[in-house]
Amino acid sequence: MIMAFNARPVAQAGRVVETDRSGLEILDREECLRLLATATLGRVGITIGALPVVVPMDFRLVGDEVVLRVGVGTKVDAALHDAVVAFEADDVEPLGRGGWSVSLTGFAREVTDPDEVDRLKRAGIARWVEWGPDRYIALSTDLMTGRRMPSVSGPSGTSGT
């Protein structure tokens, strides 16, 4: 996991957490993976036509890889073929403004082993457009960072400001 500059320990609810210079909690690898396992929508950063593009994608965390299901022959399919990509997923509390964000930079590999493909089919990964055959793309999570911002809600769930 990549650590932020100026990380500092802060006591919070009886435990010590690392925070970045903005006061956001720096999440360790285990917490990043736990949070990714609770989400199903993220954004993948790819290159299409030599330009950066961010595409919303359904995904599942399977083991320690982020797995995407894409249509064969699409621009996204082509851009993900053996590429280094960025990926981000988050969850934000609309009223309290707290939440978390996990980002990774990883290598995209096509899953071709028939047993692994069958296992991923059972994982129920959705696709934005259900048309044509599928490909499963697994993203490594070796370079991953996460941050959490505490909610600013008061006891009644309204903003404390």
N, C-alpha and C. Protein backbone atom coordinates (compact mmCIF):
# COMPACT_ATOMS: atom_id res chain seq x y z
N MET A 1 0.84 -1.18 0.00
CA MET A 1 0.00 0.00 0.00
C MET A 1 0.88 1.23 0.00
N ILE A 2 0.51 2.22 -0.74
CA ILE A 2 1.26 3.47 -0.83
C ILE A 2 0.78 4.40 0.28
N MET A 3 1.71 4.92 1.05
CA MET A 3 1.35 5.81 2.15
C MET A 3 1.42 7.26 1.69
N ALA A 4 0.58 8.09 2.25
CA ALA A 4 0.54 9.51 1.90
C ALA A 4 1.67 10.26 2.58
N PHE A 5 2.06 11.37 1.98
CA PHE A 5 3.03 12.24 2.61
C PHE A 5 2.39 12.83 3.86
N ASN A 6 3.20 13.11 4.84
CA ASN A 6 2.75 13.75 6.08
C ASN A 6 1.72 12.93 6.83
N ALA A 7 1.76 11.59 6.70
CA ALA A 7 0.84 10.76 7.48
C ALA A 7 1.17 10.92 8.95
N ARG A 8 0.12 10.95 9.76
CA ARG A 8 0.34 11.11 11.19
C ARG A 8 -0.67 10.28 11.95
N PRO A 9 -0.25 9.72 13.10
CA PRO A 9 -1.19 8.93 13.90
C PRO A 9 -2.13 9.84 14.69
N VAL A 10 -3.39 9.44 14.78
CA VAL A 10 -4.40 10.18 15.53
C VAL A 10 -5.22 9.17 16.32
N ALA A 11 -5.48 9.45 17.61
CA ALA A 11 -6.34 8.58 18.41
C ALA A 11 -7.79 8.83 18.01
N GLN A 12 -8.53 7.74 17.74
CA GLN A 12 -9.91 7.85 17.31
C GLN A 12 -10.68 6.66 17.85
N ALA A 13 -11.66 6.92 18.68
CA ALA A 13 -12.52 5.87 19.25
C ALA A 13 -11.69 4.76 19.89
N GLY A 14 -10.67 5.14 20.65
CA GLY A 14 -9.88 4.15 21.37
C GLY A 14 -8.84 3.43 20.53
N ARG A 15 -8.64 3.84 19.29
CA ARG A 15 -7.62 3.21 18.45
C ARG A 15 -6.82 4.31 17.75
N VAL A 16 -5.63 3.96 17.33
CA VAL A 16 -4.78 4.92 16.64
C VAL A 16 -4.92 4.67 15.14
N VAL A 17 -5.21 5.73 14.39
CA VAL A 17 -5.33 5.63 12.94
C VAL A 17 -4.36 6.62 12.30
N GLU A 18 -3.91 6.29 11.12
CA GLU A 18 -3.06 7.19 10.36
C GLU A 18 -3.96 8.12 9.56
N THR A 19 -3.61 9.41 9.53
CA THR A 19 -4.36 10.36 8.73
C THR A 19 -3.41 11.05 7.76
N ASP A 20 -3.97 11.51 6.66
CA ASP A 20 -3.15 12.27 5.71
C ASP A 20 -3.17 13.74 6.10
N ARG A 21 -2.53 14.59 5.32
CA ARG A 21 -2.42 16.02 5.67
C ARG A 21 -3.76 16.72 5.64
N SER A 22 -4.78 16.12 5.01
CA SER A 22 -6.12 16.70 4.99
C SER A 22 -6.99 16.21 6.14
N GLY A 23 -6.46 15.31 6.95
CA GLY A 23 -7.21 14.77 8.08
C GLY A 23 -8.04 13.55 7.74
N LEU A 24 -7.89 13.01 6.52
CA LEU A 24 -8.62 11.80 6.14
C LEU A 24 -7.89 10.58 6.67
N GLU A 25 -8.64 9.60 7.15
CA GLU A 25 -8.06 8.36 7.65
C GLU A 25 -7.47 7.58 6.49
N ILE A 26 -6.23 7.12 6.64
CA ILE A 26 -5.58 6.28 5.64
C ILE A 26 -5.95 4.83 5.96
N LEU A 27 -6.56 4.15 5.00
CA LEU A 27 -7.03 2.79 5.21
C LEU A 27 -5.95 1.78 4.84
N ASP A 28 -5.84 0.72 5.65
CA ASP A 28 -4.87 -0.32 5.31
C ASP A 28 -5.46 -1.26 4.26
N ARG A 29 -4.65 -2.15 3.75
CA ARG A 29 -5.05 -3.05 2.66
C ARG A 29 -6.28 -3.87 3.03
N GLU A 30 -6.30 -4.42 4.23
CA GLU A 30 -7.42 -5.26 4.64
C GLU A 30 -8.73 -4.48 4.66
N GLU A 31 -8.69 -3.24 5.15
CA GLU A 31 -9.90 -2.42 5.18
C GLU A 31 -10.33 -2.03 3.77
N CYS A 32 -9.36 -1.72 2.90
CA CYS A 32 -9.70 -1.41 1.50
C CYS A 32 -10.42 -2.59 0.85
N LEU A 33 -9.89 -3.79 1.03
CA LEU A 33 -10.52 -4.98 0.45
C LEU A 33 -11.90 -5.23 1.05
N ARG A 34 -12.04 -5.02 2.36
CA ARG A 34 -13.34 -5.21 3.01
C ARG A 34 -14.36 -4.24 2.43
N LEU A 35 -13.98 -2.99 2.24
CA LEU A 35 -14.90 -2.00 1.69
C LEU A 35 -15.23 -2.30 0.23
N LEU A 36 -14.24 -2.68 -0.57
CA LEU A 36 -14.51 -3.04 -1.96
C LEU A 36 -15.50 -4.19 -2.06
N ALA A 37 -15.46 -5.10 -1.11
CA ALA A 37 -16.38 -6.24 -1.12
C ALA A 37 -17.82 -5.82 -0.87
N THR A 38 -18.03 -4.61 -0.34
CA THR A 38 -19.40 -4.14 -0.07
C THR A 38 -19.97 -3.33 -1.23
N ALA A 39 -19.15 -3.02 -2.21
CA ALA A 39 -19.59 -2.16 -3.32
C ALA A 39 -19.77 -2.98 -4.59
N THR A 40 -20.55 -2.47 -5.52
CA THR A 40 -20.75 -3.13 -6.80
C THR A 40 -20.58 -2.20 -7.99
N LEU A 41 -20.42 -0.91 -7.74
CA LEU A 41 -20.25 0.06 -8.82
C LEU A 41 -18.97 0.84 -8.59
N GLY A 42 -18.15 0.90 -9.62
CA GLY A 42 -16.91 1.67 -9.55
C GLY A 42 -16.66 2.34 -10.88
N ARG A 43 -15.50 2.96 -11.00
CA ARG A 43 -15.11 3.63 -12.23
C ARG A 43 -13.73 3.12 -12.63
N VAL A 44 -13.60 2.79 -13.90
CA VAL A 44 -12.31 2.33 -14.41
C VAL A 44 -11.76 3.40 -15.34
N GLY A 45 -10.50 3.73 -15.14
CA GLY A 45 -9.82 4.69 -15.98
C GLY A 45 -8.99 3.95 -17.02
N ILE A 46 -9.30 4.21 -18.31
CA ILE A 46 -8.66 3.52 -19.41
C ILE A 46 -8.25 4.53 -20.47
N THR A 47 -7.56 4.05 -21.49
CA THR A 47 -7.19 4.89 -22.62
C THR A 47 -7.92 4.38 -23.85
N ILE A 48 -8.67 5.27 -24.50
CA ILE A 48 -9.36 4.94 -25.75
C ILE A 48 -8.97 5.99 -26.78
N GLY A 49 -8.40 5.55 -27.88
CA GLY A 49 -7.98 6.49 -28.91
C GLY A 49 -6.94 7.46 -28.41
N ALA A 50 -6.02 7.02 -27.58
CA ALA A 50 -4.93 7.82 -27.01
C ALA A 50 -5.41 8.88 -26.02
N LEU A 51 -6.69 8.81 -25.60
CA LEU A 51 -7.21 9.77 -24.64
C LEU A 51 -7.69 9.05 -23.38
N PRO A 52 -7.52 9.69 -22.22
CA PRO A 52 -8.01 9.07 -20.98
C PRO A 52 -9.53 9.13 -20.92
N VAL A 53 -10.13 8.05 -20.45
CA VAL A 53 -11.58 7.94 -20.32
C VAL A 53 -11.88 7.25 -19.00
N VAL A 54 -12.90 7.74 -18.29
CA VAL A 54 -13.36 7.11 -17.06
C VAL A 54 -14.75 6.54 -17.33
N VAL A 55 -14.91 5.24 -17.07
CA VAL A 55 -16.15 4.54 -17.40
C VAL A 55 -16.73 3.91 -16.14
N PRO A 56 -18.01 4.16 -15.84
CA PRO A 56 -18.62 3.45 -14.70
C PRO A 56 -18.79 1.98 -15.05
N MET A 57 -18.49 1.12 -14.09
CA MET A 57 -18.56 -0.33 -14.33
C MET A 57 -19.08 -1.04 -13.09
N ASP A 58 -19.94 -2.02 -13.31
CA ASP A 58 -20.27 -2.95 -12.23
C ASP A 58 -19.06 -3.84 -12.02
N PHE A 59 -18.85 -4.27 -10.79
CA PHE A 59 -17.71 -5.13 -10.49
C PHE A 59 -18.01 -5.98 -9.26
N ARG A 60 -17.18 -6.92 -9.01
CA ARG A 60 -17.17 -7.69 -7.77
C ARG A 60 -15.73 -7.88 -7.35
N LEU A 61 -15.51 -7.89 -6.05
CA LEU A 61 -14.21 -8.28 -5.51
C LEU A 61 -14.25 -9.80 -5.38
N VAL A 62 -13.38 -10.47 -6.07
CA VAL A 62 -13.29 -11.93 -6.02
C VAL A 62 -11.88 -12.27 -5.58
N GLY A 63 -11.77 -12.82 -4.38
CA GLY A 63 -10.45 -13.00 -3.78
C GLY A 63 -9.86 -11.63 -3.52
N ASP A 64 -8.68 -11.38 -4.06
CA ASP A 64 -8.09 -10.04 -3.91
C ASP A 64 -7.98 -9.34 -5.26
N GLU A 65 -8.88 -9.69 -6.20
CA GLU A 65 -8.91 -9.01 -7.49
C GLU A 65 -10.27 -8.37 -7.72
N VAL A 66 -10.26 -7.21 -8.38
CA VAL A 66 -11.49 -6.57 -8.83
C VAL A 66 -11.81 -7.18 -10.19
N VAL A 67 -13.04 -7.72 -10.34
CA VAL A 67 -13.40 -8.40 -11.58
C VAL A 67 -14.52 -7.63 -12.28
N LEU A 68 -14.30 -7.37 -13.57
CA LEU A 68 -15.26 -6.68 -14.43
C LEU A 68 -15.79 -7.66 -15.46
N ARG A 69 -17.04 -7.48 -15.87
CA ARG A 69 -17.63 -8.28 -16.95
C ARG A 69 -17.92 -7.32 -18.10
N VAL A 70 -17.30 -7.54 -19.23
CA VAL A 70 -17.44 -6.62 -20.36
C VAL A 70 -17.90 -7.38 -21.60
N GLY A 71 -18.47 -6.65 -22.52
CA GLY A 71 -18.88 -7.24 -23.79
C GLY A 71 -17.70 -7.41 -24.72
N VAL A 72 -17.67 -8.52 -25.43
CA VAL A 72 -16.61 -8.79 -26.39
C VAL A 72 -16.74 -7.81 -27.55
N GLY A 73 -15.61 -7.24 -27.95
CA GLY A 73 -15.60 -6.35 -29.11
C GLY A 73 -15.94 -4.90 -28.83
N THR A 74 -16.18 -4.54 -27.58
CA THR A 74 -16.49 -3.15 -27.25
C THR A 74 -15.20 -2.35 -27.12
N LYS A 75 -15.32 -1.03 -27.11
CA LYS A 75 -14.15 -0.17 -26.90
C LYS A 75 -13.54 -0.43 -25.52
N VAL A 76 -14.40 -0.64 -24.53
CA VAL A 76 -13.90 -0.93 -23.18
C VAL A 76 -13.13 -2.25 -23.18
N ASP A 77 -13.66 -3.26 -23.86
CA ASP A 77 -12.98 -4.55 -23.98
C ASP A 77 -11.59 -4.35 -24.57
N ALA A 78 -11.50 -3.62 -25.65
CA ALA A 78 -10.21 -3.39 -26.31
C ALA A 78 -9.25 -2.63 -25.40
N ALA A 79 -9.75 -1.63 -24.70
CA ALA A 79 -8.90 -0.81 -23.84
C ALA A 79 -8.40 -1.57 -22.62
N LEU A 80 -9.14 -2.59 -22.20
CA LEU A 80 -8.75 -3.36 -21.02
C LEU A 80 -7.80 -4.51 -21.34
N HIS A 81 -7.59 -4.80 -22.60
CA HIS A 81 -6.78 -5.96 -22.98
C HIS A 81 -5.31 -5.75 -22.61
N ASP A 82 -4.85 -6.48 -21.60
CA ASP A 82 -3.45 -6.44 -21.14
C ASP A 82 -2.96 -5.01 -20.91
N ALA A 83 -3.75 -4.21 -20.23
CA ALA A 83 -3.41 -2.81 -20.00
C ALA A 83 -3.25 -2.53 -18.51
N VAL A 84 -2.54 -1.46 -18.21
CA VAL A 84 -2.51 -0.93 -16.86
C VAL A 84 -3.66 0.07 -16.77
N VAL A 85 -4.51 -0.11 -15.76
CA VAL A 85 -5.69 0.74 -15.63
C VAL A 85 -5.78 1.30 -14.22
N ALA A 86 -6.60 2.31 -14.08
CA ALA A 86 -6.93 2.86 -12.76
C ALA A 86 -8.36 2.42 -12.45
N PHE A 87 -8.65 2.26 -11.16
CA PHE A 87 -10.00 1.87 -10.74
C PHE A 87 -10.28 2.57 -9.42
N GLU A 88 -11.54 2.98 -9.24
CA GLU A 88 -11.94 3.64 -8.00
C GLU A 88 -13.37 3.26 -7.67
N ALA A 89 -13.60 3.00 -6.40
CA ALA A 89 -14.96 2.79 -5.89
C ALA A 89 -15.07 3.56 -4.59
N ASP A 90 -16.31 3.98 -4.26
CA ASP A 90 -16.49 4.76 -3.05
C ASP A 90 -17.91 4.61 -2.54
N ASP A 91 -18.14 5.16 -1.39
CA ASP A 91 -19.47 5.25 -0.82
C ASP A 91 -19.49 6.52 0.01
N VAL A 92 -20.50 7.35 -0.22
CA VAL A 92 -20.58 8.64 0.46
C VAL A 92 -21.95 8.77 1.11
N GLU A 93 -21.98 9.26 2.34
CA GLU A 93 -23.24 9.56 3.02
C GLU A 93 -23.73 10.92 2.53
N PRO A 94 -24.86 10.98 1.85
CA PRO A 94 -25.30 12.25 1.27
C PRO A 94 -25.54 13.35 2.30
N LEU A 95 -26.08 13.01 3.46
CA LEU A 95 -26.38 14.04 4.46
C LEU A 95 -25.20 14.35 5.36
N GLY A 96 -24.53 13.30 5.84
CA GLY A 96 -23.43 13.51 6.77
C GLY A 96 -22.10 13.81 6.11
N ARG A 97 -22.04 13.60 4.80
CA ARG A 97 -20.85 13.87 4.00
C ARG A 97 -19.65 13.03 4.39
N GLY A 98 -19.84 11.98 5.16
CA GLY A 98 -18.76 11.05 5.44
C GLY A 98 -18.73 10.00 4.35
N GLY A 99 -17.71 9.20 4.36
CA GLY A 99 -17.64 8.12 3.39
C GLY A 99 -16.23 7.63 3.21
N TRP A 100 -16.06 6.79 2.19
CA TRP A 100 -14.75 6.22 1.91
C TRP A 100 -14.52 6.17 0.42
N SER A 101 -13.25 6.05 0.05
CA SER A 101 -12.85 5.90 -1.34
C SER A 101 -11.64 4.98 -1.39
N VAL A 102 -11.68 4.03 -2.33
CA VAL A 102 -10.56 3.13 -2.55
C VAL A 102 -10.17 3.25 -4.02
N SER A 103 -8.89 3.47 -4.26
CA SER A 103 -8.36 3.60 -5.62
C SER A 103 -7.25 2.59 -5.82
N LEU A 104 -7.16 2.08 -7.05
CA LEU A 104 -6.06 1.17 -7.34
C LEU A 104 -5.56 1.42 -8.76
N THR A 105 -4.32 1.07 -8.95
CA THR A 105 -3.72 1.03 -10.28
C THR A 105 -3.28 -0.41 -10.45
N GLY A 106 -3.75 -1.05 -11.50
CA GLY A 106 -3.44 -2.46 -11.64
C GLY A 106 -3.41 -2.90 -13.08
N PHE A 107 -2.87 -4.08 -13.25
CA PHE A 107 -2.79 -4.70 -14.56
C PHE A 107 -4.10 -5.45 -14.82
N ALA A 108 -4.66 -5.25 -16.00
CA ALA A 108 -5.89 -5.93 -16.38
C ALA A 108 -5.53 -7.20 -17.14
N ARG A 109 -6.07 -8.33 -16.67
CA ARG A 109 -5.82 -9.59 -17.37
C ARG A 109 -7.16 -10.23 -17.71
N GLU A 110 -7.22 -10.82 -18.88
CA GLU A 110 -8.43 -11.55 -19.26
C GLU A 110 -8.43 -12.89 -18.55
N VAL A 111 -9.57 -13.25 -17.98
CA VAL A 111 -9.72 -14.55 -17.33
C VAL A 111 -10.13 -15.54 -18.41
N THR A 112 -9.29 -16.53 -18.66
CA THR A 112 -9.56 -17.49 -19.73
C THR A 112 -9.71 -18.92 -19.24
N ASP A 113 -9.26 -19.23 -18.03
CA ASP A 113 -9.39 -20.58 -17.51
C ASP A 113 -10.88 -20.92 -17.37
N PRO A 114 -11.36 -22.00 -18.02
CA PRO A 114 -12.79 -22.32 -17.99
C PRO A 114 -13.37 -22.48 -16.59
N ASP A 115 -12.63 -23.07 -15.67
CA ASP A 115 -13.13 -23.22 -14.30
C ASP A 115 -13.27 -21.87 -13.61
N GLU A 116 -12.30 -20.99 -13.84
CA GLU A 116 -12.36 -19.65 -13.25
C GLU A 116 -13.50 -18.84 -13.86
N VAL A 117 -13.71 -18.96 -15.18
CA VAL A 117 -14.82 -18.27 -15.84
C VAL A 117 -16.15 -18.75 -15.26
N ASP A 118 -16.30 -20.05 -15.08
CA ASP A 118 -17.54 -20.58 -14.49
C ASP A 118 -17.76 -20.02 -13.09
N ARG A 119 -16.69 -19.92 -12.30
CA ARG A 119 -16.80 -19.37 -10.94
C ARG A 119 -17.23 -17.91 -10.99
N LEU A 120 -16.70 -17.16 -11.94
CA LEU A 120 -17.05 -15.75 -12.07
C LEU A 120 -18.48 -15.57 -12.57
N LYS A 121 -18.95 -16.46 -13.42
CA LYS A 121 -20.34 -16.41 -13.86
C LYS A 121 -21.28 -16.54 -12.67
N ARG A 122 -20.92 -17.41 -11.73
CA ARG A 122 -21.74 -17.61 -10.53
C ARG A 122 -21.66 -16.43 -9.57
N ALA A 123 -20.65 -15.57 -9.71
CA ALA A 123 -20.50 -14.40 -8.83
C ALA A 123 -21.56 -13.34 -9.11
N GLY A 124 -22.24 -13.44 -10.25
CA GLY A 124 -23.33 -12.52 -10.55
C GLY A 124 -22.90 -11.10 -10.84
N ILE A 125 -21.82 -10.93 -11.57
CA ILE A 125 -21.36 -9.59 -11.91
C ILE A 125 -22.26 -9.06 -13.03
N ALA A 126 -22.88 -7.93 -12.77
CA ALA A 126 -23.79 -7.33 -13.76
C ALA A 126 -22.99 -6.68 -14.88
N ARG A 127 -23.69 -6.38 -15.95
CA ARG A 127 -23.13 -5.62 -17.07
C ARG A 127 -24.10 -4.51 -17.41
N TRP A 128 -23.60 -3.34 -17.76
CA TRP A 128 -24.47 -2.21 -18.06
C TRP A 128 -25.38 -2.52 -19.23
N VAL A 129 -24.84 -3.16 -20.26
CA VAL A 129 -25.63 -3.53 -21.42
C VAL A 129 -25.53 -5.04 -21.60
N GLU A 130 -26.64 -5.73 -21.41
CA GLU A 130 -26.68 -7.19 -21.53
C GLU A 130 -26.88 -7.57 -22.99
N TRP A 131 -25.80 -7.55 -23.77
CA TRP A 131 -25.88 -7.90 -25.17
C TRP A 131 -24.57 -8.54 -25.58
N GLY A 132 -24.66 -9.65 -26.27
CA GLY A 132 -23.47 -10.33 -26.80
C GLY A 132 -22.72 -11.11 -25.74
N PRO A 133 -21.66 -11.77 -26.18
CA PRO A 133 -20.87 -12.61 -25.27
C PRO A 133 -20.08 -11.77 -24.25
N ASP A 134 -19.66 -12.43 -23.21
CA ASP A 134 -18.94 -11.80 -22.11
C ASP A 134 -17.46 -12.11 -22.14
N ARG A 135 -16.71 -11.19 -21.55
CA ARG A 135 -15.32 -11.43 -21.14
C ARG A 135 -15.22 -10.98 -19.70
N TYR A 136 -14.42 -11.69 -18.94
CA TYR A 136 -14.16 -11.30 -17.57
C TYR A 136 -12.72 -10.78 -17.49
N ILE A 137 -12.59 -9.61 -16.89
CA ILE A 137 -11.30 -8.96 -16.74
C ILE A 137 -11.02 -8.81 -15.25
N ALA A 138 -9.86 -9.28 -14.81
CA ALA A 138 -9.46 -9.17 -13.41
C ALA A 138 -8.38 -8.11 -13.28
N LEU A 139 -8.57 -7.23 -12.30
CA LEU A 139 -7.60 -6.16 -12.03
C LEU A 139 -6.85 -6.48 -10.74
N SER A 140 -5.54 -6.41 -10.80
CA SER A 140 -4.74 -6.65 -9.60
C SER A 140 -4.93 -5.50 -8.62
N THR A 141 -4.74 -5.79 -7.35
CA THR A 141 -4.91 -4.78 -6.30
C THR A 141 -3.58 -4.50 -5.59
N ASP A 142 -2.49 -4.73 -6.28
CA ASP A 142 -1.18 -4.54 -5.65
C ASP A 142 -0.91 -3.10 -5.25
N LEU A 143 -1.31 -2.14 -6.09
CA LEU A 143 -1.13 -0.72 -5.80
C LEU A 143 -2.48 -0.13 -5.45
N MET A 144 -2.79 -0.07 -4.16
CA MET A 144 -4.12 0.33 -3.72
C MET A 144 -4.00 1.30 -2.55
N THR A 145 -4.83 2.32 -2.56
CA THR A 145 -4.90 3.25 -1.44
C THR A 145 -6.36 3.47 -1.09
N GLY A 146 -6.60 3.84 0.13
CA GLY A 146 -7.96 4.13 0.57
C GLY A 146 -7.97 5.23 1.60
N ARG A 147 -9.06 5.98 1.59
CA ARG A 147 -9.26 7.07 2.56
C ARG A 147 -10.69 7.01 3.07
N ARG A 148 -10.86 7.44 4.33
CA ARG A 148 -12.19 7.55 4.91
C ARG A 148 -12.33 8.92 5.53
N MET A 149 -13.50 9.54 5.29
CA MET A 149 -13.81 10.82 5.90
C MET A 149 -14.96 10.59 6.88
N PRO A 150 -14.78 10.98 8.13
CA PRO A 150 -15.86 10.78 9.09
C PRO A 150 -17.06 11.67 8.77
N SER A 151 -18.22 11.20 9.14
CA SER A 151 -19.45 11.95 8.94
C SER A 151 -19.44 13.19 9.82
N VAL A 152 -20.04 14.27 9.32
CA VAL A 152 -20.15 15.49 10.12
C VAL A 152 -21.56 15.63 10.67
N SER A 153 -22.35 14.56 10.61
CA SER A 153 -23.73 14.60 11.11
C SER A 153 -23.75 14.71 12.62
N GLY A 154 -24.72 15.42 13.10
CA GLY A 154 -24.93 15.49 14.53
C GLY A 154 -25.75 14.29 14.99
N PRO A 155 -26.16 14.23 16.25
CA PRO A 155 -26.89 13.10 16.78
C PRO A 155 -28.20 12.82 16.05
N SER A 156 -28.84 13.84 15.49
CA SER A 156 -30.11 13.62 14.82
C SER A 156 -29.95 13.25 13.36
N GLY A 157 -28.69 13.16 12.87
CA GLY A 157 -28.44 12.81 11.48
C GLY A 157 -28.38 14.03 10.58
N THR A 158 -28.52 15.22 11.17
CA THR A 158 -28.42 16.44 10.37
C THR A 158 -27.02 17.00 10.49
N SER A 159 -26.69 17.87 9.62
CA SER A 159 -25.36 18.47 9.61
C SER A 159 -25.11 19.23 10.90
N GLY A 160 -23.89 19.13 11.39
CA GLY A 160 -23.53 19.82 12.62
C GLY A 160 -23.21 21.28 12.40
N THR A 161 -23.32 21.78 11.18
CA THR A 161 -23.00 23.18 10.93
C THR A 161 -24.21 24.04 10.91
